[in-house]
C-alpha atoms as a PDB file:
ATOM      1  CA  MET A   1      -5.986  -2.933 -14.936  1.00  0.00           C
ATOM      2  CA  ALA A   2      -4.778  -4.861 -17.948  1.00  0.00           C
ATOM      3  CA  GLY A   3      -1.391  -3.571 -19.135  1.00  0.00           C
ATOM      4  CA  GLN A   4      -0.673  -1.760 -15.856  1.00  0.00           C
ATOM      5  CA  GLN A   5       2.776  -1.923 -14.249  1.00  0.00           C
ATOM      6  CA  LEU A   6       2.845  -2.538 -10.497  1.00  0.00           C
ATOM      7  CA  MET A   7       5.815  -2.382  -8.149  1.00  0.00           C
ATOM      8  CA  TYR A   8       6.216  -5.170  -5.579  1.00  0.00           C
ATOM      9  CA  ALA A   9       8.447  -4.926  -2.511  1.00  0.00           C
ATOM     10  CA  ILE A  10      10.287  -8.151  -1.688  1.00  0.00           C
ATOM     11  CA  ASP A  11      11.454  -8.364   1.926  1.00  0.00           C
ATOM     12  CA  VAL A  12      14.411 -10.742   2.252  1.00  0.00           C
ATOM     13  CA  ILE A  13      15.341 -11.817   5.796  1.00  0.00           C
ATOM     14  CA  ASN A  14      18.616 -13.478   6.822  1.00  0.00           C
ATOM     15  CA  TYR A  15      17.694 -15.640   9.817  1.00  0.00           C
ATOM     16  CA  ASP A  16      21.313 -16.631  10.540  1.00  0.00           C
ATOM     17  CA  VAL A  17      22.524 -15.573  13.966  1.00  0.00           C
ATOM     18  CA  GLY A  18      26.152 -14.817  14.765  1.00  0.00           C
ATOM     19  CA  CYS A  19      27.395 -15.458  11.210  1.00  0.00           C
ATOM     20  CA  GLY A  20      28.856 -13.128   8.640  1.00  0.00           C
ATOM     21  CA  SER A  21      27.051 -11.613   5.688  1.00  0.00           C
ATOM     22  CA  SER A  22      25.381 -13.762   3.050  1.00  0.00           C
ATOM     23  CA  SER A  23      24.278 -12.957  -0.469  1.00  0.00           C
ATOM     24  CA  PHE A  24      20.865 -14.031  -1.727  1.00  0.00           C
ATOM     25  CA  VAL A  25      19.618 -14.319  -5.308  1.00  0.00           C
ATOM     26  CA  VAL A  26      15.971 -13.377  -5.823  1.00  0.00           C
ATOM     27  CA  SER A  27      13.870 -14.366  -8.821  1.00  0.00           C
ATOM     28  CA  VAL A  28      10.249 -13.566  -9.636  1.00  0.00           C
ATOM     29  CA  SER A  29       8.125 -15.615 -12.019  1.00  0.00           C
ATOM     30  CA  ALA A  30       4.644 -14.838 -13.304  1.00  0.00           C
ATOM     31  CA  SER A  31       1.982 -16.310 -15.548  1.00  0.00           C
ATOM     32  CA  GLY A  32       2.440 -16.308 -19.315  1.00  0.00           C
ATOM     33  CA  GLY A  33       2.327 -12.886 -20.937  1.00  0.00           C
ATOM     34  CA  PHE A  34       3.438 -11.012 -17.811  1.00  0.00           C
ATOM     35  CA  SER A  35       6.622  -8.958 -17.881  1.00  0.00           C
ATOM     36  CA  VAL A  36       8.809  -9.041 -14.757  1.00  0.00           C
ATOM     37  CA  SER A  37      11.825  -6.789 -14.324  1.00  0.00           C
ATOM     38  CA  PRO A  38      13.658  -6.687 -11.004  1.00  0.00           C
ATOM     39  CA  PRO A  39      16.205  -3.823 -11.110  1.00  0.00           C
ATOM     40  CA  THR A  40      18.483  -5.849  -8.789  1.00  0.00           C
ATOM     41  CA  SER A  41      18.373  -9.594  -8.249  1.00  0.00           C
ATOM     42  CA  THR A  42      21.009 -10.019  -5.531  1.00  0.00           C
ATOM     43  CA  ILE A  43      21.111  -8.676  -1.988  1.00  0.00           C
ATOM     44  CA  SER A  44      23.824  -9.058   0.678  1.00  0.00           C
ATOM     45  CA  LEU A  45      22.607  -9.175   4.274  1.00  0.00           C
ATOM     46  CA  LYS A  46      24.308  -9.399   7.657  1.00  0.00           C
ATOM     47  CA  SER A  47      23.047 -12.140   9.952  1.00  0.00           C
ATOM     48  CA  ALA A  48      19.725 -11.376  11.657  1.00  0.00           C
ATOM     49  CA  SER A  49      18.923  -8.528   9.262  1.00  0.00           C
ATOM     50  CA  SER A  50      16.557  -7.844   6.383  1.00  0.00           C
ATOM     51  CA  GLY A  51      16.410  -5.753   3.237  1.00  0.00           C
ATOM     52  CA  TYR A  52      14.130  -4.983   0.313  1.00  0.00           C
ATOM     53  CA  LEU A  53      14.377  -5.602  -3.399  1.00  0.00           C
ATOM     54  CA  TRP A  54      11.795  -4.370  -5.878  1.00  0.00           C
ATOM     55  CA  ALA A  55      10.178  -6.034  -8.869  1.00  0.00           C
ATOM     56  CA  TYR A  56       8.178  -4.293 -11.562  1.00  0.00           C
ATOM     57  CA  VAL A  57       5.425  -6.498 -12.976  1.00  0.00           C
ATOM     58  CA  THR A  58       3.320  -5.599 -16.015  1.00  0.00           C
ATOM     59  CA  SER A  59       0.264  -7.599 -16.985  1.00  0.00           C
ATOM     60  CA  PRO A  60      -0.552  -8.313 -20.636  1.00  0.00           C
ATOM     61  CA  SER A  61      -2.608  -5.596 -22.360  1.00  0.00           C
ATOM     62  CA  VAL A  62      -5.331  -8.180 -23.025  1.00  0.00           C
ATOM     63  CA  ILE A  63      -6.144 -10.430 -20.074  1.00  0.00           C
ATOM     64  CA  ALA A  64      -9.277 -11.672 -18.339  1.00  0.00           C
ATOM     65  CA  ASP A  65     -10.155 -10.282 -14.899  1.00  0.00           C
ATOM     66  CA  GLY A  66      -8.871 -12.368 -12.020  1.00  0.00           C
ATOM     67  CA  ASP A  67      -5.886 -13.209  -9.853  1.00  0.00           C
ATOM     68  CA  SER A  68      -2.571 -14.252 -11.425  1.00  0.00           C
ATOM     69  CA  PRO A  69       0.142 -15.808  -9.249  1.00  0.00           C
ATOM     70  CA  LEU A  70       3.570 -14.241  -8.773  1.00  0.00           C
ATOM     71  CA  THR A  71       6.151 -16.569  -7.262  1.00  0.00           C
ATOM     72  CA  VAL A  72       9.219 -15.171  -5.529  1.00  0.00           C
ATOM     73  CA  THR A  73      12.128 -17.534  -4.926  1.00  0.00           C
ATOM     74  CA  VAL A  74      15.164 -16.704  -2.784  1.00  0.00           C
ATOM     75  CA  GLN A  75      18.366 -18.748  -2.856  1.00  0.00           C
ATOM     76  CA  ARG A  76      21.507 -18.236  -0.810  1.00  0.00           C
ATOM     77  CA  GLU A  77      24.490 -17.913  -3.171  1.00  0.00           C
ATOM     78  CA  GLY A  78      26.555 -21.088  -3.172  1.00  0.00           C
ATOM     79  CA  SER A  79      23.704 -23.186  -1.766  1.00  0.00           C
ATOM     80  CA  THR A  80      20.962 -25.306  -3.281  1.00  0.00           C
ATOM     81  CA  GLN A  81      18.473 -24.346  -0.565  1.00  0.00           C
ATOM     82  CA  THR A  82      15.628 -22.078  -1.655  1.00  0.00           C
ATOM     83  CA  ALA A  83      12.558 -20.457  -0.124  1.00  0.00           C
ATOM     84  CA  SER A  84       9.498 -19.464  -2.143  1.00  0.00           C
ATOM     85  CA  THR A  85       6.270 -17.576  -1.607  1.00  0.00           C
ATOM     86  CA  THR A  86       3.344 -16.676  -3.835  1.00  0.00           C
ATOM     87  CA  SER A  87       1.601 -13.339  -4.097  1.00  0.00           C
ATOM     88  CA  TRP A  88      -1.098 -12.243  -6.535  1.00  0.00           C
ATOM     89  CA  TYR A  89      -1.427  -9.711  -9.333  1.00  0.00           C
ATOM     90  CA  LYS A  90      -5.121  -8.818  -9.452  1.00  0.00           C
ATOM     91  CA  VAL A  91      -6.517  -7.689 -12.803  1.00  0.00           C
ATOM     92  CA  TYR A  92      -9.876  -5.992 -13.103  1.00  0.00           C
ATOM     93  CA  SER A  93     -11.291  -3.957 -15.966  1.00  0.00           C
ATOM     94  CA  SER A  94     -14.397  -2.511 -14.386  1.00  0.00           C
ATOM     95  CA  ASP A  95     -15.372  -1.381 -10.922  1.00  0.00           C
ATOM     96  CA  THR A  96     -18.214   0.884  -9.880  1.00  0.00           C
ATOM     97  CA  VAL A  97     -17.888   0.516  -6.096  1.00  0.00           C
ATOM     98  CA  ALA A  98     -16.272   3.429  -4.245  1.00  0.00           C
ATOM     99  CA  PRO A  99     -13.883   2.795  -1.349  1.00  0.00           C
ATOM    100  CA  THR A 100     -15.362   2.852   2.155  1.00  0.00           C
ATOM    101  CA  LEU A 101     -14.028   5.223   4.824  1.00  0.00           C
ATOM    102  CA  TYR A 102     -14.264   4.337   8.517  1.00  0.00           C
ATOM    103  CA  TRP A 103     -12.846   5.111  11.990  1.00  0.00           C
ATOM    104  CA  PRO A 104     -12.528   8.861  11.447  1.00  0.00           C
ATOM    105  CA  SER A 105     -10.690  10.747  14.132  1.00  0.00           C
ATOM    106  CA  PRO A 106     -12.075  13.045  15.348  1.00  0.00           C
ATOM    107  CA  GLY A 107     -15.484  11.435  15.091  1.00  0.00           C
ATOM    108  CA  ASP A 108     -18.565  13.333  14.013  1.00  0.00           C
ATOM    109  CA  GLY A 109     -19.794  15.555  16.862  1.00  0.00           C
ATOM    110  CA  ALA A 110     -16.607  15.109  18.910  1.00  0.00           C
ATOM    111  CA  THR A 111     -15.068  17.779  21.113  1.00  0.00           C
ATOM    112  CA  ILE A 112     -11.282  17.788  21.288  1.00  0.00           C
ATOM    113  CA  THR A 113      -8.746  19.798  23.301  1.00  0.00           C
ATOM    114  CA  GLY A 114      -5.062  20.508  23.067  1.00  0.00           C
ATOM    115  CA  ARG A 115      -2.685  22.338  20.774  1.00  0.00           C
ATOM    116  CA  SER A 116      -2.382  19.491  18.301  1.00  0.00           C
ATOM    117  CA  TYR A 117      -4.434  16.521  17.189  1.00  0.00           C
ATOM    118  CA  ASN A 118      -3.815  13.492  14.982  1.00  0.00           C
ATOM    119  CA  VAL A 119      -6.542  13.641  12.318  1.00  0.00           C
ATOM    120  CA  ALA A 120      -6.956  10.149  10.850  1.00  0.00           C
ATOM    121  CA  ALA A 121      -9.214   7.792   8.926  1.00  0.00           C
ATOM    122  CA  SER A 122      -9.014   4.338   7.393  1.00  0.00           C
ATOM    123  CA  SER A 123     -10.315   3.166   4.042  1.00  0.00           C
ATOM    124  CA  ASN A 124     -10.847  -0.145   2.294  1.00  0.00           C
ATOM    125  CA  ASP A 125     -11.951  -1.185  -1.172  1.00  0.00           C
ATOM    126  CA  ASP A 126     -13.011  -4.413  -2.846  1.00  0.00           C
ATOM    127  CA  ARG A 127     -10.110  -3.957  -5.295  1.00  0.00           C
ATOM    128  CA  ALA A 128      -7.417  -1.576  -4.028  1.00  0.00           C
ATOM    129  CA  VAL A 129      -7.225   1.878  -2.434  1.00  0.00           C
ATOM    130  CA  LYS A 130      -5.038   4.243  -4.469  1.00  0.00           C
ATOM    131  CA  LYS A 131      -4.921   7.270  -2.163  1.00  0.00           C
ATOM    132  CA  ILE A 132      -6.708   9.156   0.607  1.00  0.00           C
ATOM    133  CA  GLU A 133      -6.925  12.947   0.691  1.00  0.00           C
ATOM    134  CA  LEU A 134      -7.680  15.071   3.756  1.00  0.00           C
ATOM    135  CA  TYR A 135      -9.390  18.462   3.722  1.00  0.00           C
ATOM    136  CA  LEU A 136      -9.778  20.539   6.895  1.00  0.00           C
ATOM    137  CA  ASP A 137     -12.444  23.246   6.715  1.00  0.00           C
ATOM    138  CA  ASN A 138     -12.661  22.583   2.948  1.00  0.00           C
ATOM    139  CA  ALA A 139      -8.935  23.304   2.420  1.00  0.00           C
ATOM    140  CA  TYR A 140      -6.677  20.524   1.127  1.00  0.00           C
ATOM    141  CA  VAL A 141      -3.969  19.577   3.675  1.00  0.00           C
ATOM    142  CA  SER A 142      -2.577  16.104   2.934  1.00  0.00           C
ATOM    143  CA  THR A 143      -2.553  12.979   0.744  1.00  0.00           C
ATOM    144  CA  LYS A 144      -1.616   9.450   1.713  1.00  0.00           C
ATOM    145  CA  ALA A 145      -0.527   7.424  -1.329  1.00  0.00           C
ATOM    146  CA  CYS A 146      -1.398   3.779  -0.803  1.00  0.00           C
ATOM    147  CA  ASP A 147       0.616   0.939  -2.282  1.00  0.00           C
ATOM    148  CA  ASN A 148      -0.573  -0.560  -5.531  1.00  0.00           C
ATOM    149  CA  VAL A 149      -2.210  -3.648  -4.094  1.00  0.00           C
ATOM    150  CA  SER A 150      -3.552  -2.503  -0.728  1.00  0.00           C
ATOM    151  CA  TYR A 151      -7.171  -3.243   0.111  1.00  0.00           C
ATOM    152  CA  THR A 152      -6.844  -1.021   3.165  1.00  0.00           C
ATOM    153  CA  CYS A 153      -5.037   2.227   3.822  1.00  0.00           C
ATOM    154  CA  GLN A 154      -4.878   4.834   6.583  1.00  0.00           C
ATOM    155  CA  ILE A 155      -4.134   8.564   6.609  1.00  0.00           C
ATOM    156  CA  ASN A 156      -2.688  10.344   9.655  1.00  0.00           C
ATOM    157  CA  TYR A 157      -2.093  14.072   9.838  1.00  0.00           C
ATOM    158  CA  GLY A 158      -0.694  16.042  12.782  1.00  0.00           C
ATOM    159  CA  TRP A 159      -2.817  19.184  12.934  1.00  0.00           C
ATOM    160  CA  SER A 160      -2.164  22.331  14.991  1.00  0.00           C
ATOM    161  CA  THR A 161      -5.654  22.960  16.354  1.00  0.00           C
ATOM    162  CA  ARG A 162      -7.652  26.196  16.294  1.00  0.00           C
ATOM    163  CA  LEU A 163     -10.565  26.933  18.616  1.00  0.00           C
ATOM    164  CA  GLY A 164     -14.089  26.612  17.235  1.00  0.00           C
ATOM    165  CA  GLN A 165     -16.092  24.289  15.018  1.00  0.00           C
ATOM    166  CA  HIS A 166     -14.343  22.518  12.121  1.00  0.00           C
ATOM    167  CA  THR A 167     -14.878  19.873   9.450  1.00  0.00           C
ATOM    168  CA  ALA A 168     -12.592  17.093   8.311  1.00  0.00           C
ATOM    169  CA  THR A 169     -13.351  15.640   4.883  1.00  0.00           C
ATOM    170  CA  PHE A 170     -11.660  12.420   3.824  1.00  0.00           C
ATOM    171  CA  LYS A 171     -11.715  11.375   0.141  1.00  0.00           C
ATOM    172  CA  SER A 172     -10.602   7.862  -0.761  1.00  0.00           C
ATOM    173  CA  TYR A 173      -9.860   6.920  -4.390  1.00  0.00           C
ATOM    174  CA  ASP A 174      -9.540   3.497  -5.983  1.00  0.00           C
ATOM    175  CA  TRP A 175      -7.606   2.718  -9.172  1.00  0.00           C
ATOM    176  CA  MET A 176     -10.732   2.958 -11.331  1.00  0.00           C
ATOM    177  CA  GLY A 177     -11.461   6.543 -10.244  1.00  0.00           C
ATOM    178  CA  ASN A 178     -14.272   5.798  -7.781  1.00  0.00           C
ATOM    179  CA  VAL A 179     -14.294   8.170  -4.798  1.00  0.00           C
ATOM    180  CA  GLY A 180     -15.626   7.576  -1.292  1.00  0.00           C
ATOM    181  CA  VAL A 181     -16.196  10.665   0.886  1.00  0.00           C
ATOM    182  CA  LEU A 182     -16.634  10.971   4.652  1.00  0.00           C
ATOM    183  CA  THR A 183     -17.053  14.303   6.463  1.00  0.00           C
ATOM    184  CA  THR A 184     -17.032  14.837  10.203  1.00  0.00           C
ATOM    185  CA  THR A 185     -17.874  18.015  12.101  1.00  0.00           C
ATOM    186  CA  PHE A 186     -16.110  18.568  15.417  1.00  0.00           C
ATOM    187  CA  THR A 187     -15.317  21.282  17.967  1.00  0.00           C
ATOM    188  CA  VAL A 188     -11.975  22.348  19.444  1.00  0.00           C
ATOM    189  CA  ASN A 189     -12.170  23.765  22.986  1.00  0.00           C
END
Protein backbone atom coordinates (compact mmCIF):
# COMPACT_ATOMS: atom_id res chain seq x y z
CA MET A 1 0.00 0.00 0.00
CA ALA A 2 1.11 3.57 -0.50
CA GLY A 3 3.29 4.75 2.40
CA GLN A 4 3.99 1.20 3.61
CA GLN A 5 7.50 0.16 4.70
CA LEU A 6 8.71 -3.21 3.41
CA MET A 7 11.84 -5.10 4.40
CA TYR A 8 13.94 -6.67 1.63
CA ALA A 9 16.55 -9.37 2.21
CA ILE A 10 19.67 -8.97 0.08
CA ASP A 11 21.67 -12.18 -0.33
CA VAL A 12 25.31 -11.42 -1.12
CA ILE A 13 27.43 -14.35 -2.37
CA ASN A 14 31.23 -14.42 -2.54
CA TYR A 15 32.01 -16.74 -5.46
CA ASP A 16 35.78 -16.67 -4.83
CA VAL A 17 37.26 -20.08 -4.08
CA GLY A 18 40.35 -20.60 -1.95
CA CYS A 19 40.84 -16.89 -1.20
CA GLY A 20 40.57 -14.95 2.02
CA SER A 21 37.66 -12.83 3.13
CA SER A 22 36.41 -9.91 1.06
CA SER A 23 34.26 -6.95 1.99
CA PHE A 24 31.37 -5.87 -0.22
CA VAL A 25 29.52 -2.55 -0.29
CA VAL A 26 25.80 -2.80 -1.02
CA SER A 27 23.61 0.07 -2.20
CA VAL A 28 19.90 0.15 -2.98
CA SER A 29 18.27 2.74 -5.22
CA ALA A 30 14.57 3.29 -5.85
CA SER A 31 12.27 5.51 -7.86
CA GLY A 32 11.76 9.14 -6.87
CA GLY A 33 9.89 9.66 -3.62
CA PHE A 34 10.87 6.29 -2.14
CA SER A 35 12.84 6.15 1.09
CA VAL A 36 15.56 3.49 1.36
CA SER A 37 17.42 2.80 4.59
CA PRO A 38 19.80 -0.15 4.82
CA PRO A 39 20.88 -0.57 8.47
CA THR A 40 24.26 -1.88 7.26
CA SER A 41 25.81 -1.31 3.86
CA THR A 42 28.96 -3.43 4.12
CA ILE A 43 29.37 -7.17 4.59
CA SER A 44 32.56 -9.24 4.93
CA LEU A 45 32.41 -12.77 3.53
CA LYS A 46 34.82 -15.69 3.40
CA SER A 47 35.37 -17.22 -0.03
CA ALA A 48 32.54 -19.48 -1.23
CA SER A 49 30.10 -18.15 1.38
CA SER A 50 27.04 -15.91 1.50
CA GLY A 51 25.31 -13.57 3.90
CA TYR A 52 22.28 -11.31 4.15
CA LEU A 53 21.84 -7.58 4.50
CA TRP A 54 18.47 -5.92 4.91
CA ALA A 55 16.99 -2.80 3.36
CA TYR A 56 13.87 -1.01 4.53
CA VAL A 57 11.98 0.63 1.66
CA THR A 58 9.03 2.98 2.12
CA SER A 59 6.90 4.10 -0.79
CA PRO A 60 5.58 7.67 -1.02
CA SER A 61 2.26 8.24 0.77
CA VAL A 62 0.73 9.29 -2.57
CA ILE A 63 1.64 7.05 -5.50
CA ALA A 64 -0.21 5.37 -8.36
CA ASP A 65 -0.71 1.60 -8.27
CA GLY A 66 1.96 -0.36 -10.10
CA ASP A 67 5.46 -1.78 -9.93
CA SER A 68 8.42 0.43 -9.00
CA PRO A 69 11.97 -0.84 -9.57
CA LEU A 70 14.48 -1.31 -6.76
CA THR A 71 18.07 -1.74 -7.93
CA VAL A 72 20.63 -3.40 -5.69
CA THR A 73 24.30 -2.91 -6.55
CA VAL A 74 27.16 -4.80 -4.90
CA GLN A 75 30.79 -3.73 -5.21
CA ARG A 76 33.85 -5.43 -3.77
CA GLU A 77 35.78 -2.91 -1.65
CA GLY A 78 38.89 -1.72 -3.46
CA SER A 79 37.55 -2.79 -6.87
CA THR A 80 35.62 -1.08 -9.63
CA GLN A 81 33.69 -4.24 -10.49
CA THR A 82 30.01 -4.24 -9.59
CA ALA A 83 27.01 -6.55 -9.89
CA SER A 84 23.42 -5.32 -9.99
CA THR A 85 19.94 -6.79 -9.93
CA THR A 86 16.46 -5.31 -10.00
CA SER A 87 13.51 -6.26 -7.85
CA TRP A 88 10.10 -4.61 -7.61
CA TYR A 89 8.11 -2.74 -4.98
CA LYS A 90 4.46 -3.36 -5.86
CA VAL A 91 1.96 -0.69 -4.81
CA TYR A 92 -1.76 -1.33 -4.80
CA SER A 93 -4.52 0.61 -3.08
CA SER A 94 -7.46 -1.70 -3.56
CA ASP A 95 -7.94 -5.44 -3.74
CA THR A 96 -11.11 -7.45 -3.28
CA VAL A 97 -9.75 -10.89 -4.24
CA ALA A 98 -9.05 -13.29 -1.37
CA PRO A 99 -5.99 -15.55 -1.44
CA THR A 100 -6.46 -19.08 -2.79
CA LEU A 101 -5.59 -22.13 -0.69
CA TYR A 102 -4.55 -25.40 -2.33
CA TRP A 103 -2.78 -28.74 -1.75
CA PRO A 104 -4.13 -29.29 1.76
CA SER A 105 -2.62 -32.15 3.67
CA PRO A 106 -4.47 -34.16 4.78
CA GLY A 107 -6.90 -33.87 1.90
CA ASP A 108 -10.64 -33.79 2.37
CA GLY A 109 -11.93 -37.30 3.15
CA ALA A 110 -8.44 -38.71 3.78
CA THR A 111 -7.63 -41.38 6.33
CA ILE A 112 -4.24 -41.08 8.01
CA THR A 113 -2.33 -43.25 10.48
CA GLY A 114 0.58 -42.78 12.82
CA ARG A 115 1.39 -40.84 15.96
CA SER A 116 2.20 -37.62 14.14
CA TYR A 117 1.32 -35.96 10.87
CA ASN A 118 2.55 -32.90 8.99
CA VAL A 119 -0.56 -30.76 8.43
CA ALA A 120 0.12 -28.40 5.53
CA ALA A 121 -1.39 -26.17 2.86
CA SER A 122 -0.19 -23.67 0.28
CA SER A 123 -1.68 -20.32 -0.63
CA ASN A 124 -1.24 -17.76 -3.37
CA ASP A 125 -2.63 -14.31 -4.05
CA ASP A 126 -2.67 -11.91 -6.98
CA ARG A 127 -0.89 -9.35 -4.77
CA ALA A 128 0.83 -10.91 -1.75
CA VAL A 129 0.00 -13.42 1.00
CA LYS A 130 0.48 -11.91 4.47
CA LYS A 131 -0.07 -14.97 6.66
CA ILE A 132 -1.74 -18.37 6.91
CA GLU A 133 -3.44 -19.59 10.08
CA LEU A 134 -4.22 -23.21 10.94
CA TYR A 135 -7.10 -24.39 13.12
CA LEU A 136 -7.51 -28.06 14.08
CA ASP A 137 -10.99 -29.02 15.26
CA ASN A 138 -11.83 -25.28 15.37
CA ALA A 139 -8.96 -24.52 17.79
CA TYR A 140 -6.16 -22.20 16.67
CA VAL A 141 -2.78 -23.99 16.55
CA SER A 142 -0.33 -22.09 14.32
CA THR A 143 0.42 -19.10 12.08
CA LYS A 144 2.91 -18.86 9.24
CA ALA A 145 3.95 -15.25 8.61
CA CYS A 146 4.77 -14.79 4.95
CA ASP A 147 7.33 -12.30 3.71
CA ASN A 148 6.10 -8.93 2.55
CA VAL A 149 6.25 -9.59 -1.17
CA SER A 150 5.42 -13.28 -1.49
CA TYR A 151 2.73 -14.31 -3.94
CA THR A 152 2.86 -17.82 -2.50
CA CYS A 153 3.30 -19.17 0.99
CA GLN A 154 3.07 -22.53 2.75
CA ILE A 155 2.23 -23.56 6.31
CA ASN A 156 3.52 -26.78 7.87
CA TYR A 157 2.59 -27.97 11.34
CA GLY A 158 3.74 -31.17 13.07
CA TRP A 159 0.64 -32.50 14.80
CA SER A 160 0.45 -35.29 17.40
CA THR A 161 -2.55 -37.21 16.08
CA ARG A 162 -5.63 -38.35 17.99
CA LEU A 163 -7.94 -41.14 16.83
CA GLY A 164 -11.26 -40.18 15.24
CA GLN A 165 -12.63 -37.65 12.78
CA HIS A 166 -11.07 -34.17 12.64
CA THR A 167 -11.12 -30.92 10.66
CA ALA A 168 -8.26 -28.74 9.52
CA THR A 169 -9.18 -25.16 8.64
CA PHE A 170 -6.65 -23.00 6.83
CA LYS A 171 -7.16 -19.21 6.67
CA SER A 172 -4.99 -17.18 4.31
CA TYR A 173 -4.83 -13.37 4.59
CA ASP A 174 -3.56 -10.82 2.10
CA TRP A 175 -2.31 -7.32 2.96
CA MET A 176 -5.69 -5.74 2.20
CA GLY A 177 -7.51 -7.92 4.75
CA ASN A 178 -9.10 -10.39 2.32
CA VAL A 179 -9.35 -13.91 3.75
CA GLY A 180 -9.44 -17.23 1.90
CA VAL A 181 -10.65 -20.27 3.86
CA LEU A 182 -10.25 -23.99 3.15
CA THR A 183 -11.52 -26.73 5.47
CA THR A 184 -10.82 -30.43 5.16
CA THR A 185 -12.38 -33.27 7.14
CA PHE A 186 -10.24 -36.35 7.73
CA THR A 187 -10.01 -39.46 9.91
CA VAL A 188 -7.14 -40.76 12.04
CA ASN A 189 -7.02 -44.55 12.44
